[in-house]
Amino acid sequence: MTTPIIRYIWTEHADQTIPLPTYETPGAAGADIRANLPPDQRAQGITLPPMARALIPTGLHIEIPPGYEVQIRPRSGLALKHGLTLPNTPGTIDSDYRGPLGVILMNLGDQPFTVAHGDRIAQMVIAPVIQARFTAADHLSDTDRGQGGFGSTGRA
């Protein structure tokens, strides 16, 4: 399998001393990405009150090879300790997007949380994408599950 290469450029006011996305261990599936705040917010950070959400900049534009996507996922430690999550998890970045990379962070905790400049805020997973073709049909094949949907599986 060929390792995809994610090219990047810095946004205009990015702090280029903030580390690029990194795999923190050899077996990590996701590369940690960091907050790269605008100069006027670096000292105080961005505070999220309970139930608030904000778009946190990373200072990066990325180029994803065709046939791949980048999934943005929450960091489990932030979720467990502080109630921080991503409301659209996993967020998908398409291979043809070239805008700034931001992370929608939401505080589901009961205390305000301040995102500091350079904090690890999420992780990115590089995944292959298969595009399907859609075609009209007169009927669909039968299965044991049939039309059972929401609430049809799990505990009664």
Protein backbone atom coordinates (compact mmCIF):
# COMPACT_ATOMS: atom_id res chain seq x y z
CA MET A 1 0.00 0.00 0.00
CA THR A 2 1.34 3.42 -0.95
CA THR A 3 1.51 5.97 1.85
CA PRO A 4 -0.53 9.02 0.86
CA ILE A 5 1.23 12.36 1.08
CA ILE A 6 -0.68 15.30 2.56
CA ARG A 7 0.82 18.55 1.32
CA TYR A 8 0.29 21.72 3.35
CA ILE A 9 0.83 25.46 3.35
CA TRP A 10 0.51 27.78 6.33
CA THR A 11 -2.35 30.27 6.57
CA GLU A 12 -1.38 33.93 6.40
CA HIS A 13 -0.94 34.60 10.14
CA ALA A 14 -0.08 31.09 11.30
CA ASP A 15 2.54 30.53 13.97
CA GLN A 16 4.95 28.25 12.12
CA THR A 17 6.54 27.11 15.39
CA ILE A 18 3.38 25.11 16.22
CA PRO A 19 4.06 21.44 15.34
CA LEU A 20 2.47 19.94 12.25
CA PRO A 21 0.01 17.07 12.70
CA THR A 22 1.89 14.20 14.34
CA TYR A 23 1.31 10.55 15.13
CA GLU A 24 2.18 10.42 18.82
CA THR A 25 2.85 6.66 18.89
CA PRO A 26 3.89 4.14 16.19
CA GLY A 27 0.45 2.49 16.28
CA ALA A 28 -1.64 5.68 16.24
CA ALA A 29 -4.39 5.78 13.62
CA GLY A 30 -4.89 9.53 13.98
CA ALA A 31 -2.41 12.39 13.81
CA ASP A 32 -2.95 15.00 16.51
CA ILE A 33 -3.71 18.48 15.22
CA ARG A 34 -3.18 21.66 17.19
CA ALA A 35 -4.85 25.00 17.69
CA ASN A 36 -2.97 27.72 15.84
CA LEU A 37 -4.72 30.86 17.00
CA PRO A 38 -4.63 34.30 15.38
CA PRO A 39 -2.07 36.68 16.92
CA ASP A 40 -4.74 38.65 18.81
CA GLN A 41 -6.06 35.48 20.53
CA ARG A 42 -2.80 33.68 21.35
CA ALA A 43 -2.29 35.12 24.81
CA GLN A 44 -5.80 34.51 26.20
CA GLY A 45 -6.90 31.54 24.06
CA ILE A 46 -10.50 30.81 23.08
CA THR A 47 -12.85 30.05 25.96
CA LEU A 48 -15.85 27.81 25.31
CA PRO A 49 -18.60 28.09 27.91
CA PRO A 50 -20.69 24.95 28.51
CA MET A 51 -22.74 24.02 25.41
CA ALA A 52 -20.84 26.50 23.21
CA ARG A 53 -19.00 25.67 20.03
CA ALA A 54 -16.34 27.49 18.02
CA LEU A 55 -14.30 27.01 14.90
CA ILE A 56 -10.71 26.60 16.08
CA PRO A 57 -8.07 27.40 13.45
CA THR A 58 -5.11 25.09 12.82
CA GLY A 59 -3.02 27.46 10.71
CA LEU A 60 -3.01 25.02 7.80
CA HIS A 61 -4.35 24.52 4.31
CA ILE A 62 -3.94 20.92 3.16
CA GLU A 63 -3.97 19.07 -0.14
CA ILE A 64 -5.39 15.57 0.09
CA PRO A 65 -4.66 13.18 -2.80
CA PRO A 66 -7.63 12.11 -4.95
CA GLY A 67 -9.19 8.90 -3.65
CA TYR A 68 -8.69 9.90 0.01
CA GLU A 69 -10.41 12.00 2.65
CA VAL A 70 -9.28 13.37 5.99
CA GLN A 71 -11.59 12.57 8.90
CA ILE A 72 -11.43 14.92 11.89
CA ARG A 73 -12.23 13.15 15.16
CA PRO A 74 -12.34 14.11 18.84
CA ARG A 75 -9.50 13.35 21.22
CA SER A 76 -10.73 10.86 23.83
CA GLY A 77 -8.87 12.51 26.73
CA LEU A 78 -10.51 15.89 26.08
CA ALA A 79 -13.90 14.19 25.77
CA LEU A 80 -13.56 12.24 29.02
CA LYS A 81 -11.91 14.92 31.17
CA HIS A 82 -13.62 18.05 29.87
CA GLY A 83 -16.63 17.05 27.73
CA LEU A 84 -15.07 18.43 24.53
CA THR A 85 -16.20 16.89 21.28
CA LEU A 86 -16.81 17.65 17.63
CA PRO A 87 -20.51 18.11 16.78
CA ASN A 88 -20.04 16.74 13.25
CA THR A 89 -17.77 13.85 14.11
CA PRO A 90 -16.19 12.54 12.12
CA GLY A 91 -15.86 15.67 10.04
CA THR A 92 -14.87 14.96 6.46
CA ILE A 93 -12.42 17.04 4.45
CA ASP A 94 -12.72 16.27 0.75
CA SER A 95 -9.72 15.94 -1.53
CA ASP A 96 -10.73 19.00 -3.56
CA TYR A 97 -11.02 21.39 -0.57
CA ARG A 98 -8.19 23.93 -0.31
CA GLY A 99 -9.51 26.35 2.32
CA PRO A 100 -8.18 26.76 5.85
CA LEU A 101 -8.39 23.71 8.08
CA GLY A 102 -10.51 24.44 11.14
CA VAL A 103 -11.96 22.21 13.85
CA ILE A 104 -15.48 22.73 15.15
CA LEU A 105 -15.01 22.14 18.88
CA MET A 106 -17.98 21.91 21.28
CA ASN A 107 -17.97 21.97 25.07
CA LEU A 108 -20.50 19.47 26.46
CA GLY A 109 -18.92 19.76 29.89
CA ASP A 110 -20.28 21.73 32.85
CA GLN A 111 -17.30 24.10 33.12
CA PRO A 112 -15.83 26.64 30.67
CA PHE A 113 -12.82 25.32 28.76
CA THR A 114 -10.08 27.47 27.29
CA VAL A 115 -8.32 26.29 24.16
CA ALA A 116 -4.74 27.53 24.37
CA HIS A 117 -2.51 28.33 21.42
CA GLY A 118 -0.73 25.09 20.48
CA ASP A 119 -3.13 22.71 22.30
CA ARG A 120 -3.80 19.34 20.67
CA ILE A 121 -7.51 19.68 19.87
CA ALA A 122 -8.45 16.79 17.57
CA GLN A 123 -7.01 14.04 15.45
CA MET A 124 -7.02 13.48 11.72
CA VAL A 125 -7.37 10.08 10.11
CA ILE A 126 -6.51 9.63 6.44
CA ALA A 127 -8.94 7.21 4.79
CA PRO A 128 -9.54 5.89 1.27
CA VAL A 129 -12.78 6.90 -0.44
CA ILE A 130 -14.83 4.87 -2.88
CA GLN A 131 -17.42 6.77 -4.88
CA ALA A 132 -20.52 4.83 -5.86
CA ARG A 133 -22.89 5.09 -8.79
CA PHE A 134 -26.59 5.40 -8.01
CA THR A 135 -29.25 3.74 -10.11
CA ALA A 136 -33.03 3.55 -9.86
CA ALA A 137 -34.60 0.14 -9.12
CA ASP A 138 -38.13 -1.28 -9.12
CA HIS A 139 -37.47 -3.17 -5.87
CA LEU A 140 -34.68 -3.97 -3.40
CA SER A 141 -33.49 -7.41 -2.31
CA ASP A 142 -34.97 -8.94 0.84
CA THR A 143 -32.92 -9.41 4.03
CA ASP A 144 -33.60 -10.86 7.49
CA ARG A 145 -33.61 -7.33 8.92
CA GLY A 146 -35.90 -5.92 6.26
CA GLN A 147 -37.07 -2.38 7.05
CA GLY A 148 -36.13 -2.49 10.73
CA GLY A 149 -34.48 0.83 11.49
CA PHE A 150 -33.99 3.08 14.46
CA GLY A 151 -34.60 1.17 17.68
CA SER A 152 -34.92 -2.20 15.98
CA THR A 153 -31.64 -3.56 17.31
CA GLY A 154 -30.01 -3.64 20.70
CA ARG A 155 -31.81 -3.94 23.99
CA ALA A 156 -35.58 -4.18 24.14
